[in-house]
Amino acid sequence: MSESNQSISDTYSDLQKAVKSRKTHSLEWREAQLRAMGAMLDEHYDDFIDALNLDLGRSEFASQMSELAQLKASVKDTISMLKDYTKPSVKLSMLSMPLKVIPATGCVVPEPLGPVLIIAPWNYPILLALHPLVGVIAAGNAVLLKPSEISSASSNLMAKFIPKFLDQEAIRVIEGALKETFNELFPYSLKFDEEYSRIINDAQTKRLVLLLDETDEDEVSKRGKLRVGGDFDVEKRYVEIAGLNNTSLESKIMQDEIFGPLLPIVEVEDMDEAIAIVNDRQKPLALYLFTNNQDLVDKVTQQTSSGAISINECLMHFAVEDLPFGGVGESGIGCYHGKATFETFSHMKTVFHQSSRSVLDSSMRYPPYTDKEKYLMSKFF
């Protein structure tokens, strides 16, 4: 069902009940939900393509390559790996344990965190809503999905089909603008820092045009000279890719996320200056370096911090399901993709199992201690 803002508290309570009932914990439930998601994507492929075209003007091929293909592959791969993901890990046998706790054993068991909130952006409205949902379900959580209201066709579609295919007791969709209630109720949320895409509405188009069509002479000087592209048509929500060179770090275009096809180029004397610029600003979601010099690759990797670093390529690290994707600091918290999503939304619970024949389970463990017991204990501990 699609929830209203007025029913968020009730929805959260319902999701809590679903988790507490342990229905979401079973492998059978998790696999059934993932298979149902796959069926939804297959049966309504054309509907998803149409929605992406309405929201973003993307062709069928572009939507298939940028969103649906990766999403369907993620569902398939997660189903095949689900049993492995949920097995106890870090198994410590008696021989692996410290002498002081022999003959105990230990392991780490993943368990669901609880109700999860996913707040998706508009630039990849289907992929960035349903892709994390795959891992959240695999980890055994209940979830409230909030698609972006800006990509309304995609949002409406998910609100329509998810209740028909997935378990409404544990998986809900809400549409519309956000309210503070979310932060108060959901301790486990996945919010996306959005990336570049087509110009989606008039407001975003006008914001970009203001950066290009600057009239203040001082700001024009700081922004740098337009070298490539830069044409625009506000009515058609079209902004041509624009390349600017010799841009000042103090210019308006360098103060916030550009979120559009504008590329300011900041000139530097050497790589040390470039690294200093990166480190003086908020940590980026991704850092791209183009070079065949391995020493330079090592230097930038070691001396900068970012959600990811991609060498001689753009964006394609996002398409690798086995590589975690996420930011650091202002660019994001946590990561997802494949097993990383499962781990992000699982509590890794330690299970310590001591035998009744413990070597040290004797009176000397407990005060008062004799000098001999202190000596022996000091040797073990």
Foldseek 3Di string as FASTA:
>chain_A
DADEPVCPVVLQVLQQVVVVVVPLVDLVQLLQQLVLVLVLCVVCVVLLQVLCCLQAVDHSVCLVVPASVLLNVQSVVCSVCLVVLQDWAPWAACVRDALQFPPKIKTWGWAFPEEEEEEAEDQSQRRSQRVLVSLNSSLRYFYETETAVLSVSNLVVCQPCSVVRHDPSRYYYYYDDDDPVVVVRHPHYFYADDAAHQQRALVLLVVLLCQLVPDPPVLDVQQADWDDAADADSVVSDGTQIEGECHHCPHPCNPDDSRYRYHYYHDDDDVVVVLVVCAVDFAEQEAEAEDPDVVVVVCSVVSHAWQYYYYNDPPCVVSDQVDWGATPDPRGDATHGHSSSNVSRIDTDMDMGGDPVTPPPDPLVDDPHDPVSVVVVVVRD
